[in-house]
Amino acid sequence: MCCKECEKLSDEQLKAVVCEEENILVSAGPGSGKTVVIVNKVHHLIKYKNVNPRNI
């Protein structure tokens, strides 16, 4: 698991967070957790992939 917050994500959401592709599309209905996925993706990139926040 990448982080404590990721424990709450569904399998599909977790795949989006840890995906190695440069670009991903997050598409889902209202209230499904898109913003949570994007926030966790940014956190993952900064903390675990050493990406400079200015490059996101």
N, C-alpha and C. Protein backbone atom coordinates (compact mmCIF):
# COMPACT_ATOMS: atom_id res chain seq x y z
N MET A 1 0.85 -1.19 0.00
CA MET A 1 0.00 0.00 0.00
C MET A 1 0.89 1.24 0.00
N CYS A 2 0.50 2.22 -0.77
CA CYS A 2 1.36 3.40 -0.91
C CYS A 2 1.26 4.34 0.29
N CYS A 3 0.10 4.44 0.90
CA CYS A 3 -0.05 5.33 2.05
C CYS A 3 -1.32 4.96 2.81
N LYS A 4 -1.45 5.48 4.01
CA LYS A 4 -2.60 5.15 4.84
C LYS A 4 -3.91 5.57 4.18
N GLU A 5 -3.92 6.72 3.53
CA GLU A 5 -5.13 7.20 2.87
C GLU A 5 -5.56 6.27 1.74
N CYS A 6 -4.59 5.62 1.10
CA CYS A 6 -4.89 4.73 -0.02
C CYS A 6 -5.63 3.47 0.42
N GLU A 7 -5.57 3.14 1.70
CA GLU A 7 -6.27 1.97 2.21
C GLU A 7 -7.78 2.10 2.01
N LYS A 8 -8.28 3.31 1.92
CA LYS A 8 -9.72 3.56 1.78
C LYS A 8 -10.18 3.53 0.33
N LEU A 9 -9.26 3.45 -0.62
CA LEU A 9 -9.61 3.49 -2.04
C LEU A 9 -10.04 2.12 -2.55
N SER A 10 -10.90 2.14 -3.56
CA SER A 10 -11.28 0.89 -4.22
C SER A 10 -10.10 0.42 -5.07
N ASP A 11 -10.19 -0.79 -5.57
CA ASP A 11 -9.11 -1.32 -6.42
C ASP A 11 -8.91 -0.44 -7.66
N GLU A 12 -10.00 0.01 -8.27
CA GLU A 12 -9.90 0.84 -9.46
C GLU A 12 -9.27 2.19 -9.15
N GLN A 13 -9.64 2.77 -8.02
CA GLN A 13 -9.07 4.05 -7.61
C GLN A 13 -7.58 3.90 -7.33
N LEU A 14 -7.20 2.84 -6.66
CA LEU A 14 -5.79 2.61 -6.34
C LEU A 14 -4.97 2.42 -7.61
N LYS A 15 -5.53 1.74 -8.60
CA LYS A 15 -4.83 1.58 -9.88
C LYS A 15 -4.51 2.94 -10.49
N ALA A 16 -5.45 3.87 -10.41
CA ALA A 16 -5.23 5.21 -10.97
C ALA A 16 -4.15 5.95 -10.19
N VAL A 17 -4.12 5.77 -8.89
CA VAL A 17 -3.13 6.47 -8.05
C VAL A 17 -1.72 5.99 -8.35
N VAL A 18 -1.53 4.70 -8.51
CA VAL A 18 -0.18 4.15 -8.68
C VAL A 18 0.20 3.92 -10.14
N CYS A 19 -0.66 4.26 -11.06
CA CYS A 19 -0.41 4.09 -12.49
C CYS A 19 0.86 4.83 -12.90
N GLU A 20 1.70 4.18 -13.69
CA GLU A 20 2.98 4.76 -14.12
C GLU A 20 2.87 5.58 -15.40
N GLU A 21 1.71 5.58 -16.04
CA GLU A 21 1.53 6.35 -17.28
C GLU A 21 1.67 7.84 -16.99
N GLU A 22 2.13 8.58 -17.97
CA GLU A 22 2.30 10.02 -17.79
C GLU A 22 0.96 10.74 -17.67
N ASN A 23 -0.01 10.30 -18.44
CA ASN A 23 -1.35 10.90 -18.42
C ASN A 23 -2.39 9.83 -18.12
N ILE A 24 -3.34 10.18 -17.28
CA ILE A 24 -4.45 9.27 -17.02
C ILE A 24 -5.75 10.06 -17.09
N LEU A 25 -6.83 9.36 -17.36
CA LEU A 25 -8.16 9.97 -17.38
C LEU A 25 -8.96 9.37 -16.24
N VAL A 26 -9.47 10.23 -15.37
CA VAL A 26 -10.33 9.79 -14.27
C VAL A 26 -11.73 10.26 -14.60
N SER A 27 -12.60 9.31 -14.90
CA SER A 27 -13.96 9.62 -15.30
C SER A 27 -14.93 8.77 -14.49
N ALA A 28 -15.86 9.43 -13.81
CA ALA A 28 -16.85 8.72 -13.00
C ALA A 28 -17.96 9.68 -12.63
N GLY A 29 -19.00 9.15 -12.06
CA GLY A 29 -20.15 9.96 -11.68
C GLY A 29 -19.89 10.84 -10.47
N PRO A 30 -20.85 11.72 -10.18
CA PRO A 30 -20.73 12.60 -9.03
C PRO A 30 -20.62 11.82 -7.72
N GLY A 31 -19.73 12.27 -6.85
CA GLY A 31 -19.60 11.66 -5.53
C GLY A 31 -18.87 10.33 -5.51
N SER A 32 -18.21 9.99 -6.61
CA SER A 32 -17.56 8.68 -6.70
C SER A 32 -16.11 8.69 -6.22
N GLY A 33 -15.55 9.86 -5.94
CA GLY A 33 -14.20 9.93 -5.39
C GLY A 33 -13.13 10.37 -6.37
N LYS A 34 -13.50 11.06 -7.43
CA LYS A 34 -12.50 11.52 -8.41
C LYS A 34 -11.49 12.46 -7.77
N THR A 35 -11.96 13.41 -6.99
CA THR A 35 -11.05 14.36 -6.35
C THR A 35 -10.12 13.65 -5.38
N VAL A 36 -10.63 12.70 -4.65
CA VAL A 36 -9.81 11.92 -3.72
C VAL A 36 -8.72 11.18 -4.47
N VAL A 37 -9.05 10.62 -5.62
CA VAL A 37 -8.06 9.92 -6.44
C VAL A 37 -6.97 10.89 -6.89
N ILE A 38 -7.36 12.05 -7.37
CA ILE A 38 -6.38 13.01 -7.87
C ILE A 38 -5.48 13.52 -6.75
N VAL A 39 -6.05 13.80 -5.60
CA VAL A 39 -5.25 14.26 -4.45
C VAL A 39 -4.26 13.18 -4.04
N ASN A 40 -4.72 11.93 -3.99
CA ASN A 40 -3.82 10.82 -3.63
C ASN A 40 -2.76 10.59 -4.70
N LYS A 41 -3.10 10.80 -5.97
CA LYS A 41 -2.13 10.67 -7.06
C LYS A 41 -1.02 11.70 -6.89
N VAL A 42 -1.38 12.94 -6.62
CA VAL A 42 -0.38 14.00 -6.41
C VAL A 42 0.51 13.66 -5.21
N HIS A 43 -0.10 13.23 -4.12
CA HIS A 43 0.66 12.84 -2.93
C HIS A 43 1.63 11.71 -3.26
N HIS A 44 1.16 10.71 -3.98
CA HIS A 44 1.99 9.57 -4.36
C HIS A 44 3.18 10.02 -5.22
N LEU A 45 2.93 10.89 -6.18
CA LEU A 45 4.00 11.36 -7.06
C LEU A 45 5.07 12.13 -6.28
N ILE A 46 4.64 12.97 -5.36
CA ILE A 46 5.58 13.79 -4.60
C ILE A 46 6.35 12.94 -3.59
N LYS A 47 5.64 12.12 -2.82
CA LYS A 47 6.27 11.39 -1.72
C LYS A 47 7.04 10.15 -2.17
N TYR A 48 6.48 9.40 -3.12
CA TYR A 48 7.07 8.11 -3.47
C TYR A 48 7.82 8.10 -4.80
N LYS A 49 7.55 9.07 -5.66
CA LYS A 49 8.22 9.13 -6.95
C LYS A 49 9.15 10.33 -7.06
N ASN A 50 9.26 11.10 -5.99
CA ASN A 50 10.16 12.26 -5.92
C ASN A 50 9.95 13.26 -7.05
N VAL A 51 8.70 13.46 -7.42
CA VAL A 51 8.36 14.44 -8.45
C VAL A 51 8.26 15.81 -7.79
N ASN A 52 8.89 16.79 -8.40
CA ASN A 52 8.81 18.16 -7.90
C ASN A 52 7.38 18.66 -8.09
N PRO A 53 6.75 19.21 -7.05
CA PRO A 53 5.37 19.69 -7.17
C PRO A 53 5.18 20.69 -8.31
N ARG A 54 6.22 21.42 -8.65
CA ARG A 54 6.11 22.38 -9.76
C ARG A 54 5.98 21.69 -11.11
N ASN A 55 6.30 20.41 -11.16
CA ASN A 55 6.21 19.66 -12.41
C ASN A 55 4.90 18.91 -12.55
N ILE A 56 4.00 19.13 -11.63
CA ILE A 56 2.70 18.43 -11.68
C ILE A 56 1.68 19.37 -12.28
